[in-house]
Protein backbone atom coordinates (compact mmCIF):
# COMPACT_ATOMS: atom_id res chain seq x y z
CA MET A 1 124.05 78.69 99.86
CA ASN A 2 124.68 78.67 103.53
CA THR A 3 121.79 80.37 105.33
CA ALA A 4 123.38 80.56 108.66
CA ASN A 5 124.26 84.02 109.83
CA PRO A 6 127.77 84.22 111.23
CA PRO A 7 128.41 86.39 114.31
CA VAL A 8 129.90 89.79 114.07
CA PRO A 9 133.60 89.37 114.53
CA GLU A 10 135.26 91.25 117.40
CA ASN A 11 137.67 92.68 115.02
CA CYS A 12 134.88 93.76 112.53
CA SER A 13 133.75 97.11 114.04
CA THR A 14 130.36 98.37 112.80
CA VAL A 15 129.93 101.57 110.97
CA GLY A 16 130.28 104.93 112.65
CA VAL A 17 128.28 108.05 111.90
CA VAL A 18 128.05 108.87 108.18
CA THR A 19 126.53 112.34 107.70
CA VAL A 20 124.86 113.00 104.46
CA GLU A 21 123.93 116.36 102.79
CA ASN A 22 120.18 117.24 102.47
CA ALA A 23 119.41 114.85 105.40
CA VAL A 24 115.75 114.96 106.31
CA LEU A 25 115.77 112.34 109.08
CA SER A 26 118.76 111.54 111.22
CA ALA A 27 119.07 108.62 113.45
CA ARG A 28 121.89 108.55 116.02
CA GLY A 29 122.74 105.69 118.47
CA VAL A 30 119.51 104.03 118.14
CA ASP A 31 118.79 100.77 120.11
CA VAL A 32 115.57 98.88 119.94
CA TYR A 33 114.67 96.40 122.83
CA TYR A 34 111.69 93.80 122.96
CA GLY A 35 111.53 93.40 126.56
CA GLU A 36 115.14 92.54 127.57
CA LYS A 37 116.12 91.53 124.07
CA ARG A 38 118.30 94.18 122.21
CA ALA A 39 117.02 93.86 118.60
CA ILE A 40 118.81 96.92 117.09
CA LYS A 41 122.33 97.96 118.36
CA ASP A 42 123.55 101.54 118.23
CA VAL A 43 122.45 102.39 114.74
CA SER A 44 123.28 105.83 113.23
CA VAL A 45 122.14 106.70 109.69
CA ASP A 46 120.65 109.58 107.54
CA ILE A 47 117.86 109.53 105.03
CA ALA A 48 118.31 112.35 102.47
CA ARG A 49 115.91 114.22 100.21
CA ASN A 50 115.94 113.18 96.55
CA GLN A 51 117.64 109.83 97.44
CA VAL A 52 116.64 106.28 98.02
CA LEU A 53 118.34 104.46 101.00
CA ALA A 54 118.00 100.66 100.69
CA MET A 55 118.34 98.62 103.77
CA ILE A 56 119.49 94.98 103.10
CA GLY A 57 120.54 91.91 105.08
CA PRO A 58 119.63 88.54 106.07
CA SER A 59 116.05 87.70 107.50
CA GLY A 60 115.80 88.60 111.19
CA CYS A 61 118.77 91.20 110.90
CA GLY A 62 116.69 94.05 112.21
CA LYS A 63 116.12 96.18 109.02
CA SER A 64 112.34 96.14 109.22
CA THR A 65 112.42 96.72 112.93
CA PHE A 66 114.61 99.70 112.38
CA LEU A 67 112.33 101.02 109.62
CA ARG A 68 109.37 100.85 111.90
CA CYS A 69 111.21 103.15 114.35
CA LEU A 70 111.30 106.00 111.83
CA ASN A 71 107.57 106.76 112.11
CA ARG A 72 107.08 105.17 115.54
CA MET A 73 105.20 102.18 114.34
CA ASN A 74 106.78 100.20 117.00
CA ASP A 75 104.83 102.27 119.58
CA THR A 76 102.02 99.64 118.85
CA ILE A 77 104.20 96.56 119.96
CA GLU A 78 103.87 95.90 123.73
CA GLY A 79 107.33 95.76 125.47
CA CYS A 80 109.16 97.48 122.54
CA ARG A 81 111.40 100.27 123.71
CA VAL A 82 113.53 102.73 121.50
CA THR A 83 116.54 104.66 122.86
CA GLY A 84 118.80 107.04 121.04
CA SER A 85 117.94 110.07 118.89
CA ILE A 86 115.74 110.19 115.74
CA THR A 87 115.14 113.68 114.46
CA LEU A 88 113.09 115.01 111.55
CA GLU A 89 114.14 118.25 110.31
CA GLY A 90 116.00 118.67 113.63
CA GLN A 91 113.10 117.83 115.84
CA ASP A 92 113.03 114.72 118.13
CA ILE A 93 110.17 112.40 116.88
CA TYR A 94 110.10 110.61 120.18
CA ASP A 95 109.68 113.75 122.17
CA ARG A 96 106.78 113.52 124.73
CA SER A 97 105.03 116.49 122.91
CA GLN A 98 105.03 114.84 119.49
CA ASP A 99 101.70 113.74 118.14
CA VAL A 100 102.15 110.60 116.12
CA VAL A 101 99.14 111.34 113.82
CA PRO A 102 100.66 114.29 111.91
CA LEU A 103 104.17 112.54 112.36
CA ARG A 104 102.90 109.58 110.37
CA ALA A 105 101.57 111.89 107.63
CA ARG A 106 105.14 113.45 107.31
CA ILE A 107 106.78 109.99 107.46
CA GLY A 108 104.45 107.78 105.36
CA MET A 109 104.64 103.93 105.28
CA VAL A 110 104.09 101.49 102.48
CA PHE A 111 103.78 97.90 103.68
CA GLN A 112 104.89 94.45 102.29
CA LYS A 113 101.36 93.34 101.43
CA PRO A 114 99.04 96.05 99.79
CA ASN A 115 96.55 96.99 102.29
CA PRO A 116 93.80 99.22 100.69
CA PHE A 117 90.89 100.28 102.90
CA PRO A 118 87.65 98.51 102.17
CA LYS A 119 86.40 101.79 100.40
CA SER A 120 86.22 103.15 96.94
CA ILE A 121 89.42 104.00 95.03
CA TYR A 122 88.66 107.64 95.42
CA GLU A 123 87.99 107.35 99.19
CA ASN A 124 91.24 105.30 99.67
CA VAL A 125 93.16 108.48 98.51
CA ALA A 126 90.78 110.98 99.90
CA TYR A 127 90.74 109.74 103.42
CA GLY A 128 94.03 111.13 104.64
CA PRO A 129 93.64 114.79 103.20
CA ARG A 130 90.10 114.73 104.62
CA ILE A 131 91.13 113.93 108.29
CA HIS A 132 94.32 116.06 108.18
CA GLY A 133 92.22 119.12 106.67
CA LEU A 134 94.25 119.44 103.66
CA ALA A 135 91.32 120.23 101.32
CA ALA A 136 89.03 123.23 101.71
CA ASP A 137 86.29 121.88 99.49
CA ARG A 138 85.48 119.01 97.08
CA VAL A 139 87.29 120.68 94.26
CA GLU A 140 90.55 120.70 96.14
CA LEU A 141 90.07 117.26 97.30
CA ASP A 142 89.27 115.98 93.73
CA GLU A 143 92.59 117.76 92.68
CA ILE A 144 94.63 115.90 95.48
CA VAL A 145 93.16 112.68 94.45
CA HIS A 146 93.81 113.18 90.74
CA THR A 147 97.33 114.23 91.43
CA SER A 148 98.14 111.60 93.80
CA LEU A 149 96.89 108.72 91.61
CA GLN A 150 98.87 110.38 88.77
CA ARG A 151 102.08 110.50 90.73
CA ALA A 152 101.54 106.86 91.69
CA GLY A 153 101.24 105.94 87.97
CA LEU A 154 97.60 104.80 88.39
CA TRP A 155 95.30 107.54 87.16
CA ASP A 156 94.95 106.32 83.50
CA GLU A 157 94.05 102.80 84.74
CA VAL A 158 91.32 103.79 87.31
CA LYS A 159 90.02 107.28 86.22
CA ASP A 160 86.71 105.81 84.92
CA ARG A 161 86.17 103.58 88.13
CA LEU A 162 87.06 105.78 91.03
CA THR A 163 83.76 104.75 92.79
CA GLN A 164 84.74 101.04 92.67
CA PRO A 165 86.27 99.33 95.62
CA GLY A 166 90.19 99.59 95.80
CA THR A 167 90.25 95.85 96.95
CA GLY A 168 89.09 94.92 93.48
CA LEU A 169 92.32 96.17 91.80
CA SER A 170 95.31 93.73 90.95
CA GLY A 171 98.09 93.26 93.52
CA GLY A 172 100.29 95.83 91.76
CA GLN A 173 97.58 98.39 91.34
CA GLN A 174 96.65 98.03 94.98
CA GLN A 175 100.27 98.77 95.91
CA ARG A 176 100.30 101.72 93.67
CA LEU A 177 96.93 102.79 95.45
CA CYS A 178 98.60 102.46 98.81
CA ILE A 179 101.52 104.63 97.57
CA ALA A 180 98.84 107.18 96.19
CA ARG A 181 97.23 107.18 99.57
CA THR A 182 100.60 107.77 101.31
CA ILE A 183 101.73 110.81 99.06
CA ALA A 184 98.18 112.40 99.23
CA VAL A 185 99.09 113.83 102.61
CA ASN A 186 102.18 115.53 101.43
CA PRO A 187 104.76 113.48 103.30
CA GLU A 188 108.49 114.31 103.45
CA ILE A 189 109.66 110.93 103.72
CA ILE A 190 108.32 107.55 102.26
CA LEU A 191 109.13 104.35 104.12
CA MET A 192 108.71 101.07 102.13
CA ASP A 193 108.91 97.62 103.85
CA GLU A 194 109.41 95.13 101.00
CA PRO A 195 106.87 96.70 98.92
CA CYS A 196 107.41 94.28 96.03
CA SER A 197 107.70 90.90 97.75
CA ALA A 198 103.88 90.08 97.10
CA LEU A 199 103.99 91.17 93.40
CA ASP A 200 104.88 89.56 90.16
CA PRO A 201 107.91 90.71 88.14
CA ILE A 202 105.87 93.10 85.95
CA ALA A 203 104.36 94.74 88.76
CA THR A 204 107.58 94.94 90.58
CA ALA A 205 109.20 96.62 87.65
CA ARG A 206 106.31 99.24 87.74
CA ILE A 207 106.78 99.88 91.42
CA GLU A 208 110.62 100.24 90.91
CA ASP A 209 110.09 102.67 88.16
CA LEU A 210 107.72 104.65 90.25
CA ILE A 211 110.16 104.72 93.17
CA ASP A 212 112.75 106.30 90.92
CA GLU A 213 110.14 108.87 89.95
CA LEU A 214 109.10 109.69 93.48
CA ARG A 215 112.62 110.23 94.73
CA GLU A 216 112.68 113.63 92.85
CA GLN A 217 110.15 114.86 95.37
CA TYR A 218 110.65 112.70 98.63
CA ALA A 219 113.24 111.24 100.75
CA ILE A 220 112.72 107.34 100.54
CA ALA A 221 113.93 104.41 102.63
CA ILE A 222 113.24 100.90 101.40
CA VAL A 223 113.65 97.54 103.14
CA THR A 224 114.39 94.74 100.58
CA HIS A 225 115.52 91.15 100.50
CA SER A 226 116.50 91.51 96.86
CA MET A 227 120.02 92.82 96.32
CA GLN A 228 119.25 93.36 92.57
CA GLN A 229 116.37 95.57 93.60
CA ALA A 230 118.48 97.58 95.95
CA ALA A 231 121.05 97.93 93.22
CA ARG A 232 118.49 99.16 90.74
CA VAL A 233 116.46 101.72 92.89
CA SER A 234 118.92 103.10 95.35
CA GLN A 235 121.53 105.67 95.60
CA ARG A 236 122.70 104.51 99.17
CA THR A 237 122.65 101.11 100.69
CA ALA A 238 122.82 100.14 104.34
CA TYR A 239 123.70 96.52 105.30
CA PHE A 240 122.35 95.18 108.49
CA HIS A 241 123.46 91.93 110.32
CA LEU A 242 122.18 90.64 113.67
CA GLY A 243 120.92 94.00 114.79
CA ASP A 244 124.11 96.00 113.81
CA LEU A 245 124.34 98.42 110.89
CA ILE A 246 127.60 96.87 109.48
CA GLU A 247 128.02 99.36 106.51
CA VAL A 248 126.30 102.29 104.77
CA GLY A 249 127.39 104.11 101.70
CA GLU A 250 126.92 104.70 98.03
CA THR A 251 125.17 101.73 96.38
CA ASP A 252 127.71 101.15 93.71
CA ARG A 253 130.53 101.16 96.14
CA ILE A 254 128.71 98.90 98.62
CA PHE A 255 128.23 96.29 95.82
CA THR A 256 131.58 96.65 94.03
CA ASN A 257 134.00 97.49 96.95
CA PRO A 258 132.45 96.68 100.26
CA ARG A 259 134.70 97.68 103.21
CA HIS A 260 133.54 94.95 105.58
CA LYS A 261 133.97 91.17 105.15
CA LEU A 262 130.41 90.54 106.38
CA THR A 263 128.96 92.79 103.65
CA GLU A 264 131.15 91.11 101.03
CA ASP A 265 130.17 87.58 102.21
CA TYR A 266 126.42 88.50 102.07
CA ILE A 267 126.61 90.23 98.69
CA THR A 268 128.60 87.20 97.10
CA GLY A 269 126.23 84.79 98.59
CA ARG A 270 128.47 83.09 101.13
CA PHE A 271 125.54 83.42 103.59
CA GLY A 272 122.13 84.95 103.81
């Protein structure tokens, strides 16, 4: 397979604005700069409630960079600048008055490598609700922890060892613990940056099943290198190439009838 990334041809215009019903978060004309380098170019896409949007493309195409814009994780990178508009329920998330702490509760993030806190399983999940004041007392906190672990498909495996360290779980269990930690603060959107890349096939299948269950309650955006995974878990797919969003649409159509040659070449394995 040729791993070189061909340039975007001049006659291959990238996708325009494709609006989606039930959009929770909308990006319009987003550019991301690292110093003078423009890493993301004029990207417009919606993330909708009760849907999974999969972002695919070759390594270095900008999909993870774009994902990190959506809850302002790029704020932590020196020299990174984001322009354009990203709105959550109509509110600009980059507005000067926006506090990033509650924003990141509303738009949760699950990372490539499981990163449980060096605390007990219980405290991993209770941490967010506690600092955001979501529980009035221990009874409410216990209920949030129980419900979150149950939604993450982990309760039956850990209910008898909640006081044990979260770091003692298997890789797949740790990732589900991180998902439980994310949903414990009642997010509207869950962002996932290659959440299965460090997991074995069995753990990956569990996470994929969980993603399908979670979309009934949340809007989800996932970055994945696996086209098979994108096809399995998503309703819509966005294909990125060299910082451009080339094409976005229903997953079935993207994989069976792509409208751009770059998308077709990637999906058929001509490059990437």
